[in-house]
């Protein structure tokens, strides 16, 4: 049985490891602290991550830097309009020597898959990742192939308003634990970015691997020791239920969204040094965990209403349970 002292030790280790990752990422990426925090929390709860932003805000650089700071096997796929499902999952190849078909693994057979500009490929290829993301396996010609553990998808996409993009299917969006939006930097941060580039000259910044697969799996196990009070669970359910009855929403949050939100809140509690979840953990992660999973009514597009607006309204409207400590 895990004692409070053991949990505190695991929490301290997790925070130290994540702080080291953030330090390495900061060598290449200026600002975007909230995005980095969201990515790391999602990694702790076995979640896949979707990064969205206009071209040029360092989406690809950010995921490459996070991957470099983790000593895990990493592969990158540039999603293009002509990419086929087999190019991602693998395919059967005829072997002339044996006169048999053999399975050749695709880039999805890795610990961390960097899916760059995932919404520039047609839905058929996007859907090839569904089974991998949900069940950590792929099925080819009736045969199931397990993926390595841990398995994480870090995907980037461009806003759907941009030319040459395909909307991600609702089923695939639901498999991303969080959607992190990258904004433009502040003027001060952009000036810092330019100065850093001038100071380093032609030298490329390097990111050192500071967390390996075993460390990541250990931190994920530590998340499982974080307790959640019944009142907080009911708060999560109330939030999800409210999205389903909201007049601006066509399809509300799924049960998977509730499961992911609870796990994200537990991970946030762990890195905050607590072995219990408080309502503020849920509120802090509700928008990135739920907003991308709800489908708004068609007329909301014209009114420029987004899922984040709806979730934000509900967070202000719903009663928040009283925070409880360890003695809950």
C-alpha atoms as a PDB file:
ATOM      1  CA  UNK A   1       0.000   0.000   0.000  1.00  0.00           C
ATOM      2  CA  UNK A   2       1.288   3.457  -0.926  1.00  0.00           C
ATOM      3  CA  UNK A   3       1.880   5.715   2.078  1.00  0.00           C
ATOM      4  CA  UNK A   4       1.534   9.528   2.011  1.00  0.00           C
ATOM      5  CA  UNK A   5       5.335   9.753   2.220  1.00  0.00           C
ATOM      6  CA  UNK A   6       5.726   7.460  -0.805  1.00  0.00           C
ATOM      7  CA  UNK A   7       3.214   9.498  -2.777  1.00  0.00           C
ATOM      8  CA  UNK A   8       4.981  12.742  -1.860  1.00  0.00           C
ATOM      9  CA  UNK A   9       8.256  11.248  -3.074  1.00  0.00           C
ATOM     10  CA  UNK A  10       6.684  10.199  -6.389  1.00  0.00           C
ATOM     11  CA  UNK A  11       5.084  13.627  -6.719  1.00  0.00           C
ATOM     12  CA  UNK A  12       8.426  15.341  -6.126  1.00  0.00           C
ATOM     13  CA  UNK A  13      10.098  13.108  -8.702  1.00  0.00           C
ATOM     14  CA  UNK A  14       7.370  13.806 -11.255  1.00  0.00           C
ATOM     15  CA  UNK A  15       7.601  17.549 -10.742  1.00  0.00           C
ATOM     16  CA  UNK A  16      11.398  17.467 -11.017  1.00  0.00           C
ATOM     17  CA  UNK A  17      11.244  15.418 -14.226  1.00  0.00           C
ATOM     18  CA  UNK A  18       8.604  17.642 -15.815  1.00  0.00           C
ATOM     19  CA  UNK A  19      10.537  20.747 -14.784  1.00  0.00           C
ATOM     20  CA  UNK A  20      13.588  19.313 -16.523  1.00  0.00           C
ATOM     21  CA  UNK A  21      11.566  18.681 -19.694  1.00  0.00           C
ATOM     22  CA  UNK A  22      10.201  22.231 -19.626  1.00  0.00           C
ATOM     23  CA  UNK A  23      13.736  23.548 -19.228  1.00  0.00           C
ATOM     24  CA  UNK A  24      14.915  21.621 -22.278  1.00  0.00           C
ATOM     25  CA  UNK A  25      11.931  22.728 -24.386  1.00  0.00           C
ATOM     26  CA  UNK A  26      12.599  26.344 -23.390  1.00  0.00           C
ATOM     27  CA  UNK A  27      15.973  26.099 -25.147  1.00  0.00           C
ATOM     28  CA  UNK A  28      14.194  26.102 -28.506  1.00  0.00           C
ATOM     29  CA  UNK A  29      10.698  27.494 -27.900  1.00  0.00           C
ATOM     30  CA  UNK A  30      10.070  30.969 -26.496  1.00  0.00           C
ATOM     31  CA  UNK A  31       6.864  31.422 -24.488  1.00  0.00           C
ATOM     32  CA  UNK A  32       3.967  28.970 -24.940  1.00  0.00           C
ATOM     33  CA  UNK A  33       4.297  27.966 -21.255  1.00  0.00           C
ATOM     34  CA  UNK A  34       0.626  27.021 -20.926  1.00  0.00           C
ATOM     35  CA  UNK A  35       0.837  24.868 -24.055  1.00  0.00           C
ATOM     36  CA  UNK A  36       3.895  23.036 -22.732  1.00  0.00           C
ATOM     37  CA  UNK A  37       2.169  22.475 -19.372  1.00  0.00           C
ATOM     38  CA  UNK A  38      -0.926  21.068 -21.097  1.00  0.00           C
ATOM     39  CA  UNK A  39       1.165  18.687 -23.178  1.00  0.00           C
ATOM     40  CA  UNK A  40       3.075  17.355 -20.175  1.00  0.00           C
ATOM     41  CA  UNK A  41      -0.074  16.834 -18.095  1.00  0.00           C
ATOM     42  CA  UNK A  42      -1.649  14.902 -20.986  1.00  0.00           C
ATOM     43  CA  UNK A  43       1.462  12.713 -21.245  1.00  0.00           C
ATOM     44  CA  UNK A  44       1.040  11.731 -17.586  1.00  0.00           C
ATOM     45  CA  UNK A  45      -2.507  10.455 -18.098  1.00  0.00           C
ATOM     46  CA  UNK A  46      -1.900   8.372 -21.237  1.00  0.00           C
ATOM     47  CA  UNK A  47      -3.530  11.014 -23.409  1.00  0.00           C
ATOM     48  CA  UNK A  48      -2.962  11.996 -27.018  1.00  0.00           C
ATOM     49  CA  UNK A  49      -2.413  15.675 -27.786  1.00  0.00           C
ATOM     50  CA  UNK A  50      -3.627  17.913 -30.615  1.00  0.00           C
ATOM     51  CA  UNK A  51      -1.921  21.263 -31.174  1.00  0.00           C
ATOM     52  CA  UNK A  52      -3.689  23.857 -33.296  1.00  0.00           C
ATOM     53  CA  UNK A  53      -2.443  27.202 -34.501  1.00  0.00           C
ATOM     54  CA  UNK A  54      -1.843  29.273 -37.589  1.00  0.00           C
ATOM     55  CA  UNK A  55       1.287  28.464 -39.619  1.00  0.00           C
ATOM     56  CA  UNK A  56       4.504  29.748 -38.103  1.00  0.00           C
ATOM     57  CA  UNK A  57       3.711  29.683 -34.358  1.00  0.00           C
ATOM     58  CA  UNK A  58       6.167  26.812 -33.690  1.00  0.00           C
ATOM     59  CA  UNK A  59       3.721  23.889 -33.489  1.00  0.00           C
ATOM     60  CA  UNK A  60       6.119  21.453 -35.145  1.00  0.00           C
ATOM     61  CA  UNK A  61       9.136  22.822 -33.280  1.00  0.00           C
ATOM     62  CA  UNK A  62       7.304  22.422 -29.979  1.00  0.00           C
ATOM     63  CA  UNK A  63       6.365  18.760 -30.518  1.00  0.00           C
ATOM     64  CA  UNK A  64       9.859  17.975 -31.821  1.00  0.00           C
ATOM     65  CA  UNK A  65      11.394  19.592 -28.740  1.00  0.00           C
ATOM     66  CA  UNK A  66       9.118  17.678 -26.351  1.00  0.00           C
ATOM     67  CA  UNK A  67       9.948  14.448 -28.169  1.00  0.00           C
ATOM     68  CA  UNK A  68      13.681  15.181 -27.986  1.00  0.00           C
ATOM     69  CA  UNK A  69      13.460  15.777 -24.215  1.00  0.00           C
ATOM     70  CA  UNK A  70      11.921  12.317 -23.780  1.00  0.00           C
ATOM     71  CA  UNK A  71      14.301   9.417 -24.354  1.00  0.00           C
ATOM     72  CA  UNK A  72      11.705   7.373 -26.232  1.00  0.00           C
ATOM     73  CA  UNK A  73      11.520   6.085 -29.789  1.00  0.00           C
ATOM     74  CA  UNK A  74      10.023   8.792 -31.983  1.00  0.00           C
ATOM     75  CA  UNK A  75       8.841   8.878 -35.587  1.00  0.00           C
ATOM     76  CA  UNK A  76       7.390  11.719 -37.602  1.00  0.00           C
ATOM     77  CA  UNK A  77       4.837  11.627 -40.414  1.00  0.00           C
ATOM     78  CA  UNK A  78       4.097  14.629 -42.590  1.00  0.00           C
ATOM     79  CA  UNK A  79       0.413  14.276 -43.459  1.00  0.00           C
ATOM     80  CA  UNK A  80      -0.258  15.267 -47.078  1.00  0.00           C
ATOM     81  CA  UNK A  81      -3.268  14.914 -49.409  1.00  0.00           C
ATOM     82  CA  UNK A  82      -1.764  11.837 -51.114  1.00  0.00           C
ATOM     83  CA  UNK A  83      -0.832   9.969 -47.906  1.00  0.00           C
ATOM     84  CA  UNK A  84      -2.437   6.514 -47.741  1.00  0.00           C
ATOM     85  CA  UNK A  85      -3.533   4.589 -44.596  1.00  0.00           C
ATOM     86  CA  UNK A  86      -0.858   1.957 -45.179  1.00  0.00           C
ATOM     87  CA  UNK A  87       1.794   4.668 -45.148  1.00  0.00           C
ATOM     88  CA  UNK A  88       0.925   5.208 -41.471  1.00  0.00           C
ATOM     89  CA  UNK A  89      -0.022   1.791 -40.093  1.00  0.00           C
ATOM     90  CA  UNK A  90       2.054  -0.470 -42.316  1.00  0.00           C
ATOM     91  CA  UNK A  91       1.092  -2.902 -45.057  1.00  0.00           C
ATOM     92  CA  UNK A  92       1.548  -6.398 -46.432  1.00  0.00           C
ATOM     93  CA  UNK A  93       4.511  -6.709 -48.810  1.00  0.00           C
ATOM     94  CA  UNK A  94       5.122  -9.636 -51.144  1.00  0.00           C
ATOM     95  CA  UNK A  95       8.390 -11.398 -50.434  1.00  0.00           C
ATOM     96  CA  UNK A  96       9.798 -12.917 -53.628  1.00  0.00           C
ATOM     97  CA  UNK A  97      12.140 -15.179 -51.664  1.00  0.00           C
ATOM     98  CA  UNK A  98       9.352 -16.936 -49.774  1.00  0.00           C
ATOM     99  CA  UNK A  99       6.471 -16.225 -52.183  1.00  0.00           C
ATOM    100  CA  UNK A 100       4.482 -14.987 -49.179  1.00  0.00           C
ATOM    101  CA  UNK A 101       3.121 -11.688 -47.947  1.00  0.00           C
ATOM    102  CA  UNK A 102       4.876 -10.310 -44.886  1.00  0.00           C
ATOM    103  CA  UNK A 103       3.826  -7.388 -42.712  1.00  0.00           C
ATOM    104  CA  UNK A 104       6.013  -4.312 -42.848  1.00  0.00           C
ATOM    105  CA  UNK A 105       5.510  -2.003 -39.879  1.00  0.00           C
ATOM    106  CA  UNK A 106       4.589   1.613 -40.522  1.00  0.00           C
ATOM    107  CA  UNK A 107       5.748   4.652 -38.557  1.00  0.00           C
ATOM    108  CA  UNK A 108       2.894   4.167 -36.058  1.00  0.00           C
ATOM    109  CA  UNK A 109       5.030   1.452 -34.428  1.00  0.00           C
ATOM    110  CA  UNK A 110       6.844   3.799 -32.083  1.00  0.00           C
ATOM    111  CA  UNK A 111       6.523   5.332 -28.618  1.00  0.00           C
ATOM    112  CA  UNK A 112       5.768   8.831 -29.826  1.00  0.00           C
ATOM    113  CA  UNK A 113       4.232   9.547 -33.219  1.00  0.00           C
ATOM    114  CA  UNK A 114       4.536  13.127 -34.418  1.00  0.00           C
ATOM    115  CA  UNK A 115       1.618  13.597 -36.826  1.00  0.00           C
ATOM    116  CA  UNK A 116       2.407  16.896 -38.520  1.00  0.00           C
ATOM    117  CA  UNK A 117      -0.492  18.826 -40.107  1.00  0.00           C
ATOM    118  CA  UNK A 118      -2.849  15.909 -39.596  1.00  0.00           C
ATOM    119  CA  UNK A 119      -5.803  17.732 -41.142  1.00  0.00           C
ATOM    120  CA  UNK A 120      -4.103  18.146 -44.523  1.00  0.00           C
ATOM    121  CA  UNK A 121      -4.795  14.499 -45.371  1.00  0.00           C
ATOM    122  CA  UNK A 122      -8.233  13.075 -46.324  1.00  0.00           C
ATOM    123  CA  UNK A 123     -10.486  11.499 -43.646  1.00  0.00           C
ATOM    124  CA  UNK A 124      -9.695   7.957 -44.845  1.00  0.00           C
ATOM    125  CA  UNK A 125      -6.063   8.335 -43.825  1.00  0.00           C
ATOM    126  CA  UNK A 126      -6.925  10.282 -40.664  1.00  0.00           C
ATOM    127  CA  UNK A 127      -9.140   7.373 -39.606  1.00  0.00           C
ATOM    128  CA  UNK A 128      -6.217   4.960 -39.900  1.00  0.00           C
ATOM    129  CA  UNK A 129      -5.073   6.205 -36.500  1.00  0.00           C
ATOM    130  CA  UNK A 130      -8.372   5.538 -34.718  1.00  0.00           C
ATOM    131  CA  UNK A 131      -7.643   1.986 -33.591  1.00  0.00           C
ATOM    132  CA  UNK A 132      -4.059   2.834 -32.696  1.00  0.00           C
ATOM    133  CA  UNK A 133      -5.090   5.771 -30.517  1.00  0.00           C
ATOM    134  CA  UNK A 134      -7.951   3.982 -28.772  1.00  0.00           C
ATOM    135  CA  UNK A 135      -6.604   0.442 -28.343  1.00  0.00           C
ATOM    136  CA  UNK A 136      -2.826   0.737 -28.890  1.00  0.00           C
ATOM    137  CA  UNK A 137      -2.954  -1.736 -31.755  1.00  0.00           C
ATOM    138  CA  UNK A 138      -3.517  -1.914 -35.503  1.00  0.00           C
ATOM    139  CA  UNK A 139      -5.341  -4.576 -37.488  1.00  0.00           C
ATOM    140  CA  UNK A 140      -4.032  -5.482 -40.942  1.00  0.00           C
ATOM    141  CA  UNK A 141      -5.725  -8.165 -43.043  1.00  0.00           C
ATOM    142  CA  UNK A 142      -7.488  -9.601 -40.002  1.00  0.00           C
ATOM    143  CA  UNK A 143      -4.342  -9.817 -37.883  1.00  0.00           C
ATOM    144  CA  UNK A 144      -3.799  -7.631 -34.830  1.00  0.00           C
ATOM    145  CA  UNK A 145      -0.424  -6.050 -34.118  1.00  0.00           C
ATOM    146  CA  UNK A 146       0.286  -4.491 -30.717  1.00  0.00           C
ATOM    147  CA  UNK A 147       2.013  -1.124 -30.504  1.00  0.00           C
ATOM    148  CA  UNK A 148       4.875  -0.346 -28.103  1.00  0.00           C
ATOM    149  CA  UNK A 149       4.208   1.080 -24.646  1.00  0.00           C
ATOM    150  CA  UNK A 150       4.026   3.939 -24.019  1.00  0.00           C
ATOM    151  CA  UNK A 151       2.314   5.052 -27.223  1.00  0.00           C
ATOM    152  CA  UNK A 152       1.502   8.729 -27.685  1.00  0.00           C
ATOM    153  CA  UNK A 153       0.271  10.732 -30.660  1.00  0.00           C
ATOM    154  CA  UNK A 154       1.336  14.375 -30.782  1.00  0.00           C
ATOM    155  CA  UNK A 155      -0.522  15.891 -33.708  1.00  0.00           C
ATOM    156  CA  UNK A 156      -0.527  19.386 -35.149  1.00  0.00           C
ATOM    157  CA  UNK A 157      -3.212  20.898 -37.338  1.00  0.00           C
ATOM    158  CA  UNK A 158      -4.108  24.204 -38.914  1.00  0.00           C
ATOM    159  CA  UNK A 159      -7.403  26.030 -38.314  1.00  0.00           C
ATOM    160  CA  UNK A 160     -10.110  24.625 -40.586  1.00  0.00           C
ATOM    161  CA  UNK A 161     -10.541  28.039 -42.200  1.00  0.00           C
ATOM    162  CA  UNK A 162      -7.205  27.571 -43.979  1.00  0.00           C
ATOM    163  CA  UNK A 163      -7.186  26.308 -47.559  1.00  0.00           C
ATOM    164  CA  UNK A 164      -6.281  22.668 -48.123  1.00  0.00           C
ATOM    165  CA  UNK A 165      -7.488  21.349 -44.761  1.00  0.00           C
ATOM    166  CA  UNK A 166      -9.971  18.566 -43.999  1.00  0.00           C
ATOM    167  CA  UNK A 167     -12.019  18.596 -40.792  1.00  0.00           C
ATOM    168  CA  UNK A 168     -11.018  15.835 -38.394  1.00  0.00           C
ATOM    169  CA  UNK A 169     -13.785  13.244 -37.841  1.00  0.00           C
ATOM    170  CA  UNK A 170     -15.633  13.587 -34.529  1.00  0.00           C
ATOM    171  CA  UNK A 171     -14.535  10.076 -33.535  1.00  0.00           C
ATOM    172  CA  UNK A 172     -10.893  11.036 -33.941  1.00  0.00           C
ATOM    173  CA  UNK A 173     -11.228  14.358 -32.134  1.00  0.00           C
ATOM    174  CA  UNK A 174     -12.754  12.434 -29.229  1.00  0.00           C
ATOM    175  CA  UNK A 175      -9.561  10.392 -28.930  1.00  0.00           C
ATOM    176  CA  UNK A 176      -7.400  13.427 -28.247  1.00  0.00           C
ATOM    177  CA  UNK A 177      -7.278  13.989 -24.491  1.00  0.00           C
ATOM    178  CA  UNK A 178      -6.490  17.672 -24.974  1.00  0.00           C
ATOM    179  CA  UNK A 179      -6.467  20.229 -27.728  1.00  0.00           C
ATOM    180  CA  UNK A 180      -3.927  22.960 -27.092  1.00  0.00           C
ATOM    181  CA  UNK A 181      -4.188  26.188 -29.066  1.00  0.00           C
ATOM    182  CA  UNK A 182      -0.965  28.044 -29.786  1.00  0.00           C
ATOM    183  CA  UNK A 183      -1.376  31.806 -29.963  1.00  0.00           C
ATOM    184  CA  UNK A 184       0.909  34.518 -31.231  1.00  0.00           C
ATOM    185  CA  UNK A 185       3.625  35.531 -28.771  1.00  0.00           C
ATOM    186  CA  UNK A 186       3.544  38.851 -26.977  1.00  0.00           C
ATOM    187  CA  UNK A 187       5.697  41.647 -28.386  1.00  0.00           C
ATOM    188  CA  UNK A 188       8.217  41.122 -25.595  1.00  0.00           C
ATOM    189  CA  UNK A 189       8.403  37.382 -26.274  1.00  0.00           C
ATOM    190  CA  UNK A 190       8.811  37.924 -30.010  1.00  0.00           C
ATOM    191  CA  UNK A 191      11.643  40.400 -29.362  1.00  0.00           C
ATOM    192  CA  UNK A 192      13.259  37.783 -27.084  1.00  0.00           C
ATOM    193  CA  UNK A 193      12.878  35.164 -29.822  1.00  0.00           C
ATOM    194  CA  UNK A 194      14.618  37.399 -32.365  1.00  0.00           C
ATOM    195  CA  UNK A 195      17.422  38.296 -29.950  1.00  0.00           C
ATOM    196  CA  UNK A 196      17.992  34.624 -29.125  1.00  0.00           C
ATOM    197  CA  UNK A 197      18.278  33.799 -32.824  1.00  0.00           C
ATOM    198  CA  UNK A 198      20.830  36.561 -33.384  1.00  0.00           C
ATOM    199  CA  UNK A 199      22.887  35.604 -30.339  1.00  0.00           C
ATOM    200  CA  UNK A 200      23.248  31.941 -31.235  1.00  0.00           C
ATOM    201  CA  UNK A 201      24.463  32.601 -34.766  1.00  0.00           C
ATOM    202  CA  UNK A 202      24.552  29.541 -37.016  1.00  0.00           C
ATOM    203  CA  UNK A 203      24.600  27.066 -34.113  1.00  0.00           C
ATOM    204  CA  UNK A 204      21.461  24.937 -33.846  1.00  0.00           C
ATOM    205  CA  UNK A 205      19.905  24.681 -30.356  1.00  0.00           C
ATOM    206  CA  UNK A 206      20.129  21.209 -28.844  1.00  0.00           C
ATOM    207  CA  UNK A 207      17.623  19.497 -26.577  1.00  0.00           C
ATOM    208  CA  UNK A 208      18.878  16.793 -24.208  1.00  0.00           C
ATOM    209  CA  UNK A 209      16.799  13.744 -23.302  1.00  0.00           C
ATOM    210  CA  UNK A 210      16.008  13.985 -19.583  1.00  0.00           C
ATOM    211  CA  UNK A 211      13.095  11.526 -19.146  1.00  0.00           C
ATOM    212  CA  UNK A 212      13.002   7.974 -20.486  1.00  0.00           C
ATOM    213  CA  UNK A 213      10.142   5.553 -21.073  1.00  0.00           C
ATOM    214  CA  UNK A 214      10.527   3.933 -17.641  1.00  0.00           C
ATOM    215  CA  UNK A 215      10.317   7.342 -15.940  1.00  0.00           C
ATOM    216  CA  UNK A 216       7.187   8.205 -17.906  1.00  0.00           C
ATOM    217  CA  UNK A 217       5.496   4.908 -17.027  1.00  0.00           C
ATOM    218  CA  UNK A 218       6.397   5.382 -13.336  1.00  0.00           C
ATOM    219  CA  UNK A 219       4.867   8.866 -13.326  1.00  0.00           C
ATOM    220  CA  UNK A 220       1.719   7.506 -14.942  1.00  0.00           C
ATOM    221  CA  UNK A 221       1.426   4.959 -12.155  1.00  0.00           C
ATOM    222  CA  UNK A 222       1.807   7.744  -9.594  1.00  0.00           C
ATOM    223  CA  UNK A 223      -1.200   9.510 -11.145  1.00  0.00           C
ATOM    224  CA  UNK A 224      -3.300   6.433 -10.341  1.00  0.00           C
ATOM    225  CA  UNK A 225      -2.695   7.029  -6.621  1.00  0.00           C
ATOM    226  CA  UNK A 226      -4.376  10.467  -6.693  1.00  0.00           C
ATOM    227  CA  UNK A 227      -7.847  10.339  -5.099  1.00  0.00           C
ATOM    228  CA  UNK A 228     -10.995  12.064  -6.378  1.00  0.00           C
ATOM    229  CA  UNK A 229     -13.902  12.949  -4.090  1.00  0.00           C
ATOM    230  CA  UNK A 230     -17.448  12.060  -5.121  1.00  0.00           C
ATOM    231  CA  UNK A 231     -18.398  15.748  -5.234  1.00  0.00           C
ATOM    232  CA  UNK A 232     -15.679  16.406  -7.813  1.00  0.00           C
ATOM    233  CA  UNK A 233     -16.827  13.426  -9.874  1.00  0.00           C
ATOM    234  CA  UNK A 234     -20.386  14.770  -9.862  1.00  0.00           C
ATOM    235  CA  UNK A 235     -19.022  18.168 -10.919  1.00  0.00           C
ATOM    236  CA  UNK A 236     -17.391  16.566 -13.976  1.00  0.00           C
ATOM    237  CA  UNK A 237     -20.591  14.690 -14.832  1.00  0.00           C
ATOM    238  CA  UNK A 238     -22.684  17.857 -14.429  1.00  0.00           C
ATOM    239  CA  UNK A 239     -20.373  19.720 -16.802  1.00  0.00           C
ATOM    240  CA  UNK A 240     -20.548  17.003 -19.464  1.00  0.00           C
ATOM    241  CA  UNK A 241     -24.324  16.678 -19.088  1.00  0.00           C
ATOM    242  CA  UNK A 242     -24.759  20.432 -19.428  1.00  0.00           C
ATOM    243  CA  UNK A 243     -22.984  20.402 -22.803  1.00  0.00           C
ATOM    244  CA  UNK A 244     -25.501  17.865 -24.112  1.00  0.00           C
ATOM    245  CA  UNK A 245     -28.500  20.039 -23.286  1.00  0.00           C
ATOM    246  CA  UNK A 246     -26.957  23.384 -24.261  1.00  0.00           C
ATOM    247  CA  UNK A 247     -29.036  25.161 -26.950  1.00  0.00           C
ATOM    248  CA  UNK A 248     -25.971  25.953 -29.059  1.00  0.00           C
ATOM    249  CA  UNK A 249     -24.648  22.374 -29.043  1.00  0.00           C
ATOM    250  CA  UNK A 250     -25.646  19.610 -31.460  1.00  0.00           C
ATOM    251  CA  UNK A 251     -23.543  16.830 -29.893  1.00  0.00           C
ATOM    252  CA  UNK A 252     -22.242  17.188 -26.345  1.00  0.00           C
ATOM    253  CA  UNK A 253     -19.258  15.756 -24.506  1.00  0.00           C
ATOM    254  CA  UNK A 254     -18.854  11.982 -24.574  1.00  0.00           C
ATOM    255  CA  UNK A 255     -18.218   9.680 -21.599  1.00  0.00           C
ATOM    256  CA  UNK A 256     -14.641   9.399 -22.875  1.00  0.00           C
ATOM    257  CA  UNK A 257     -14.322  13.152 -22.365  1.00  0.00           C
ATOM    258  CA  UNK A 258     -15.354  12.734 -18.721  1.00  0.00           C
ATOM    259  CA  UNK A 259     -12.816   9.946 -18.190  1.00  0.00           C
ATOM    260  CA  UNK A 260     -10.040  12.010 -19.745  1.00  0.00           C
ATOM    261  CA  UNK A 261     -10.945  15.124 -17.753  1.00  0.00           C
ATOM    262  CA  UNK A 262     -10.772  13.214 -14.469  1.00  0.00           C
ATOM    263  CA  UNK A 263      -7.379  11.741 -15.395  1.00  0.00           C
ATOM    264  CA  UNK A 264      -6.070  15.132 -16.481  1.00  0.00           C
ATOM    265  CA  UNK A 265      -7.211  16.633 -13.185  1.00  0.00           C
ATOM    266  CA  UNK A 266      -5.423  13.843 -11.293  1.00  0.00           C
ATOM    267  CA  UNK A 267      -2.222  14.516 -13.247  1.00  0.00           C
ATOM    268  CA  UNK A 268      -2.469  18.240 -12.500  1.00  0.00           C
ATOM    269  CA  UNK A 269      -2.947  17.474  -8.813  1.00  0.00           C
ATOM    270  CA  UNK A 270       0.161  15.265  -8.849  1.00  0.00           C
ATOM    271  CA  UNK A 271       2.413  17.913 -10.372  1.00  0.00           C
ATOM    272  CA  UNK A 272       0.950  20.430  -7.905  1.00  0.00           C
ATOM    273  CA  UNK A 273       2.130  18.274  -5.005  1.00  0.00           C
ATOM    274  CA  UNK A 274      -1.286  16.939  -3.951  1.00  0.00           C
ATOM    275  CA  UNK A 275      -2.635  13.392  -3.672  1.00  0.00           C
ATOM    276  CA  UNK A 276      -6.223  14.566  -4.178  1.00  0.00           C
ATOM    277  CA  UNK A 277      -8.084  16.535  -6.857  1.00  0.00           C
ATOM    278  CA  UNK A 278      -9.706  19.895  -6.169  1.00  0.00           C
ATOM    279  CA  UNK A 279     -12.365  21.592  -8.343  1.00  0.00           C
ATOM    280  CA  UNK A 280      -9.767  24.073  -9.640  1.00  0.00           C
ATOM    281  CA  UNK A 281      -7.964  21.154 -11.331  1.00  0.00           C
ATOM    282  CA  UNK A 282     -11.133  20.353 -13.263  1.00  0.00           C
ATOM    283  CA  UNK A 283     -11.834  23.994 -14.134  1.00  0.00           C
ATOM    284  CA  UNK A 284      -8.278  24.560 -15.373  1.00  0.00           C
ATOM    285  CA  UNK A 285      -8.468  21.645 -17.821  1.00  0.00           C
ATOM    286  CA  UNK A 286     -12.139  21.636 -18.839  1.00  0.00           C
ATOM    287  CA  UNK A 287     -11.701  23.780 -21.960  1.00  0.00           C
ATOM    288  CA  UNK A 288      -8.701  21.919 -23.461  1.00  0.00           C
ATOM    289  CA  UNK A 289     -10.291  18.547 -22.571  1.00  0.00           C
ATOM    290  CA  UNK A 290     -13.889  19.150 -23.703  1.00  0.00           C
ATOM    291  CA  UNK A 291     -14.166  22.087 -26.132  1.00  0.00           C
ATOM    292  CA  UNK A 292     -12.845  20.212 -29.180  1.00  0.00           C
ATOM    293  CA  UNK A 293     -15.166  17.229 -28.581  1.00  0.00           C
ATOM    294  CA  UNK A 294     -18.503  19.040 -28.782  1.00  0.00           C
ATOM    295  CA  UNK A 295     -20.216  19.770 -32.101  1.00  0.00           C
ATOM    296  CA  UNK A 296     -22.030  23.083 -32.329  1.00  0.00           C
ATOM    297  CA  UNK A 297     -25.171  23.758 -34.319  1.00  0.00           C
ATOM    298  CA  UNK A 298     -24.452  24.924 -37.909  1.00  0.00           C
ATOM    299  CA  UNK A 299     -25.627  28.485 -37.299  1.00  0.00           C
ATOM    300  CA  UNK A 300     -22.996  28.934 -34.570  1.00  0.00           C
ATOM    301  CA  UNK A 301     -20.303  28.980 -37.261  1.00  0.00           C
ATOM    302  CA  UNK A 302     -21.784  32.197 -38.662  1.00  0.00           C
ATOM    303  CA  UNK A 303     -21.917  33.733 -35.179  1.00  0.00           C
ATOM    304  CA  UNK A 304     -18.259  32.805 -34.518  1.00  0.00           C
ATOM    305  CA  UNK A 305     -19.225  30.781 -31.447  1.00  0.00           C
ATOM    306  CA  UNK A 306     -16.693  28.121 -30.498  1.00  0.00           C
ATOM    307  CA  UNK A 307     -16.705  25.111 -28.209  1.00  0.00           C
ATOM    308  CA  UNK A 308     -14.432  26.940 -25.790  1.00  0.00           C
ATOM    309  CA  UNK A 309     -17.058  29.697 -25.462  1.00  0.00           C
ATOM    310  CA  UNK A 310     -19.726  27.164 -24.494  1.00  0.00           C
ATOM    311  CA  UNK A 311     -17.520  25.376 -21.951  1.00  0.00           C
ATOM    312  CA  UNK A 312     -16.470  28.724 -20.492  1.00  0.00           C
ATOM    313  CA  UNK A 313     -20.121  29.728 -20.037  1.00  0.00           C
ATOM    314  CA  UNK A 314     -20.914  26.471 -18.280  1.00  0.00           C
ATOM    315  CA  UNK A 315     -17.934  26.782 -15.920  1.00  0.00           C
ATOM    316  CA  UNK A 316     -19.250  30.168 -14.795  1.00  0.00           C
ATOM    317  CA  UNK A 317     -22.827  28.883 -14.418  1.00  0.00           C
ATOM    318  CA  UNK A 318     -22.425  25.523 -12.704  1.00  0.00           C
ATOM    319  CA  UNK A 319     -22.052  25.426  -8.906  1.00  0.00           C
ATOM    320  CA  UNK A 320     -18.554  24.459  -7.817  1.00  0.00           C
ATOM    321  CA  UNK A 321     -18.216  21.900  -5.008  1.00  0.00           C
ATOM    322  CA  UNK A 322     -16.418  22.997  -1.882  1.00  0.00           C
ATOM    323  CA  UNK A 323     -12.745  22.068  -2.009  1.00  0.00           C
ATOM    324  CA  UNK A 324     -11.735  19.271   0.328  1.00  0.00           C
ATOM    325  CA  UNK A 325      -8.328  18.243   1.541  1.00  0.00           C
ATOM    326  CA  UNK A 326      -6.698  14.952   2.274  1.00  0.00           C
ATOM    327  CA  UNK A 327      -9.262  14.050   4.836  1.00  0.00           C
ATOM    328  CA  UNK A 328     -12.018  13.929   2.251  1.00  0.00           C
END
